[in-house]
Amino acid sequence: MPKANYNQVISEIKTLKLSDQLRLLEEMATLIRKGINKQATRSILELKGKGKDIWKGHNVKAYIDEKRSSWNG
């Protein structure tokens, strides 16, 4: 079965009675909500190790100590 393009679908919807358009809208909203609920939640732990290459060749402890000492003026 060939996929209809957006404009074809809209044209078909316009031919429906208003009550059927509303029913379609409700069904589409339900499908979209189900799709949103299926999306995986993200975790901050996914960031572990990101950016580690930035610190290669740098003394991280010295950098942190320098930043902390600047907090006190």
N, C-alpha and C. Protein backbone atom coordinates (compact mmCIF):
# COMPACT_ATOMS: atom_id res chain seq x y z
N MET A 1 0.85 -1.18 0.00
CA MET A 1 0.00 0.00 0.00
C MET A 1 0.89 1.24 0.00
N PRO A 2 0.74 2.11 -1.00
CA PRO A 2 1.60 3.31 -1.05
C PRO A 2 1.25 4.29 0.06
N LYS A 3 2.28 4.97 0.52
CA LYS A 3 2.06 5.98 1.56
C LYS A 3 1.50 7.25 0.93
N ALA A 4 0.48 7.79 1.56
CA ALA A 4 -0.10 9.04 1.08
C ALA A 4 0.73 10.20 1.59
N ASN A 5 0.82 11.24 0.80
CA ASN A 5 1.55 12.40 1.30
C ASN A 5 0.62 13.27 2.14
N TYR A 6 1.21 14.20 2.81
CA TYR A 6 0.49 15.06 3.75
C TYR A 6 -0.71 15.75 3.10
N ASN A 7 -0.51 16.34 1.94
CA ASN A 7 -1.59 17.07 1.28
C ASN A 7 -2.75 16.16 0.89
N GLN A 8 -2.44 14.93 0.50
CA GLN A 8 -3.50 13.98 0.18
C GLN A 8 -4.32 13.65 1.42
N VAL A 9 -3.63 13.46 2.53
CA VAL A 9 -4.31 13.13 3.78
C VAL A 9 -5.22 14.29 4.20
N ILE A 10 -4.71 15.49 4.12
CA ILE A 10 -5.50 16.66 4.48
C ILE A 10 -6.74 16.77 3.59
N SER A 11 -6.57 16.53 2.32
CA SER A 11 -7.71 16.58 1.39
C SER A 11 -8.77 15.56 1.77
N GLU A 12 -8.32 14.38 2.14
CA GLU A 12 -9.27 13.34 2.56
C GLU A 12 -9.98 13.72 3.85
N ILE A 13 -9.26 14.28 4.77
CA ILE A 13 -9.86 14.67 6.05
C ILE A 13 -10.93 15.73 5.83
N LYS A 14 -10.68 16.65 4.93
CA LYS A 14 -11.65 17.71 4.65
C LYS A 14 -12.96 17.16 4.10
N THR A 15 -12.94 15.97 3.52
CA THR A 15 -14.18 15.38 2.98
C THR A 15 -15.02 14.71 4.06
N LEU A 16 -14.43 14.52 5.24
CA LEU A 16 -15.16 13.86 6.33
C LEU A 16 -16.17 14.82 6.96
N LYS A 17 -17.20 14.24 7.57
CA LYS A 17 -18.14 15.05 8.35
C LYS A 17 -17.38 15.61 9.55
N LEU A 18 -17.86 16.71 10.08
CA LEU A 18 -17.22 17.34 11.23
C LEU A 18 -17.09 16.37 12.40
N SER A 19 -18.11 15.58 12.65
CA SER A 19 -18.06 14.62 13.77
C SER A 19 -16.95 13.60 13.55
N ASP A 20 -16.76 13.17 12.31
CA ASP A 20 -15.67 12.22 12.02
C ASP A 20 -14.30 12.89 12.11
N GLN A 21 -14.21 14.16 11.72
CA GLN A 21 -12.96 14.90 11.87
C GLN A 21 -12.58 15.00 13.35
N LEU A 22 -13.57 15.28 14.19
CA LEU A 22 -13.30 15.38 15.63
C LEU A 22 -12.88 14.02 16.20
N ARG A 23 -13.56 12.96 15.75
CA ARG A 23 -13.20 11.62 16.21
C ARG A 23 -11.77 11.28 15.78
N LEU A 24 -11.42 11.62 14.56
CA LEU A 24 -10.06 11.39 14.06
C LEU A 24 -9.04 12.17 14.89
N LEU A 25 -9.38 13.41 15.19
CA LEU A 25 -8.49 14.25 16.00
C LEU A 25 -8.25 13.62 17.37
N GLU A 26 -9.30 13.11 17.99
CA GLU A 26 -9.17 12.47 19.30
C GLU A 26 -8.30 11.21 19.21
N GLU A 27 -8.52 10.42 18.15
CA GLU A 27 -7.72 9.21 17.98
C GLU A 27 -6.25 9.54 17.74
N MET A 28 -6.00 10.57 16.95
CA MET A 28 -4.61 10.98 16.69
C MET A 28 -3.95 11.49 17.97
N ALA A 29 -4.69 12.24 18.77
CA ALA A 29 -4.13 12.73 20.04
C ALA A 29 -3.76 11.55 20.95
N THR A 30 -4.61 10.54 20.96
CA THR A 30 -4.32 9.34 21.77
C THR A 30 -3.06 8.64 21.27
N LEU A 31 -2.95 8.48 19.96
CA LEU A 31 -1.75 7.84 19.39
C LEU A 31 -0.49 8.62 19.71
N ILE A 32 -0.57 9.93 19.62
CA ILE A 32 0.60 10.78 19.89
C ILE A 32 0.98 10.68 21.36
N ARG A 33 -0.01 10.71 22.25
CA ARG A 33 0.29 10.59 23.69
C ARG A 33 0.97 9.26 23.99
N LYS A 34 0.49 8.18 23.38
CA LYS A 34 1.11 6.87 23.60
C LYS A 34 2.55 6.87 23.11
N GLY A 35 2.79 7.53 21.98
CA GLY A 35 4.15 7.62 21.45
C GLY A 35 5.06 8.41 22.36
N ILE A 36 4.54 9.47 22.95
CA ILE A 36 5.33 10.29 23.88
C ILE A 36 5.67 9.48 25.12
N ASN A 37 4.71 8.71 25.60
CA ASN A 37 4.94 7.92 26.81
C ASN A 37 5.95 6.80 26.57
N LYS A 38 6.11 6.36 25.33
CA LYS A 38 7.06 5.30 25.02
C LYS A 38 8.49 5.81 24.91
N GLN A 39 8.66 7.12 24.81
CA GLN A 39 10.01 7.67 24.68
C GLN A 39 10.79 7.36 25.95
N ALA A 40 12.01 6.92 25.76
CA ALA A 40 12.86 6.57 26.90
C ALA A 40 13.24 7.83 27.67
N THR A 41 13.22 7.70 28.98
CA THR A 41 13.69 8.81 29.80
C THR A 41 15.21 8.84 29.76
N ARG A 42 15.77 9.98 29.91
CA ARG A 42 17.22 10.14 29.83
C ARG A 42 17.78 10.19 31.26
N SER A 43 19.02 9.84 31.37
CA SER A 43 19.70 9.84 32.67
C SER A 43 20.94 10.73 32.59
N ILE A 44 21.20 11.43 33.66
CA ILE A 44 22.41 12.26 33.74
C ILE A 44 23.66 11.38 33.61
N LEU A 45 23.54 10.12 33.96
CA LEU A 45 24.68 9.21 33.88
C LEU A 45 25.13 8.96 32.44
N GLU A 46 24.27 9.28 31.47
CA GLU A 46 24.66 9.14 30.06
C GLU A 46 25.81 10.10 29.71
N LEU A 47 26.01 11.12 30.51
CA LEU A 47 27.06 12.09 30.24
C LEU A 47 28.43 11.64 30.76
N LYS A 48 28.45 10.53 31.49
CA LYS A 48 29.70 10.05 32.07
C LYS A 48 30.75 9.87 30.98
N GLY A 49 31.91 10.47 31.18
CA GLY A 49 33.02 10.35 30.26
C GLY A 49 33.00 11.34 29.11
N LYS A 50 31.92 12.08 28.96
CA LYS A 50 31.85 13.06 27.86
C LYS A 50 32.79 14.22 28.18
N GLY A 51 33.55 14.65 27.24
CA GLY A 51 34.45 15.78 27.43
C GLY A 51 35.76 15.44 28.10
N LYS A 52 36.00 14.15 28.34
CA LYS A 52 37.24 13.79 29.05
C LYS A 52 38.48 14.14 28.25
N ASP A 53 38.35 14.17 26.93
CA ASP A 53 39.50 14.51 26.09
C ASP A 53 39.95 15.96 26.29
N ILE A 54 39.03 16.80 26.72
CA ILE A 54 39.35 18.21 26.96
C ILE A 54 40.43 18.34 28.04
N TRP A 55 40.41 17.42 28.99
CA TRP A 55 41.31 17.52 30.13
C TRP A 55 42.64 16.80 29.93
N LYS A 56 42.83 16.13 28.79
CA LYS A 56 44.10 15.45 28.55
C LYS A 56 45.23 16.46 28.56
N GLY A 57 46.28 16.16 29.30
CA GLY A 57 47.45 17.03 29.36
C GLY A 57 47.30 18.16 30.37
N HIS A 58 46.16 18.23 31.07
CA HIS A 58 45.96 19.29 32.07
C HIS A 58 45.97 18.67 33.47
N ASN A 59 46.46 19.44 34.40
CA ASN A 59 46.42 19.01 35.79
C ASN A 59 45.08 19.48 36.35
N VAL A 60 44.12 18.57 36.42
CA VAL A 60 42.76 18.92 36.82
C VAL A 60 42.74 19.42 38.26
N LYS A 61 43.49 18.78 39.14
CA LYS A 61 43.50 19.20 40.55
C LYS A 61 44.01 20.63 40.67
N ALA A 62 45.08 20.96 39.96
CA ALA A 62 45.61 22.33 40.00
C ALA A 62 44.57 23.33 39.47
N TYR A 63 43.88 22.96 38.43
CA TYR A 63 42.84 23.84 37.86
C TYR A 63 41.72 24.09 38.87
N ILE A 64 41.26 23.01 39.50
CA ILE A 64 40.19 23.15 40.50
C ILE A 64 40.67 23.97 41.68
N ASP A 65 41.87 23.70 42.16
CA ASP A 65 42.41 24.49 43.29
C ASP A 65 42.51 25.96 42.94
N GLU A 66 42.93 26.28 41.73
CA GLU A 66 43.04 27.67 41.29
C GLU A 66 41.66 28.34 41.26
N LYS A 67 40.68 27.64 40.73
CA LYS A 67 39.32 28.20 40.67
C LYS A 67 38.76 28.42 42.07
N ARG A 68 38.96 27.45 42.95
CA ARG A 68 38.44 27.56 44.32
C ARG A 68 39.10 28.72 45.07
N SER A 69 40.38 28.92 44.84
CA SER A 69 41.08 30.01 45.55
C SER A 69 40.57 31.38 45.07
N SER A 70 40.08 31.44 43.84
CA SER A 70 39.58 32.72 43.34
C SER A 70 38.21 33.08 43.92
N TRP A 71 37.52 32.10 44.49
CA TRP A 71 36.20 32.36 45.08
C TRP A 71 36.30 33.25 46.31
N ASN A 72 37.43 33.16 47.01
CA ASN A 72 37.59 33.91 48.25
C ASN A 72 38.24 35.27 48.02
N GLY A 73 38.52 35.58 46.78
CA GLY A 73 39.10 36.89 46.46
C GLY A 73 40.53 36.89 46.58
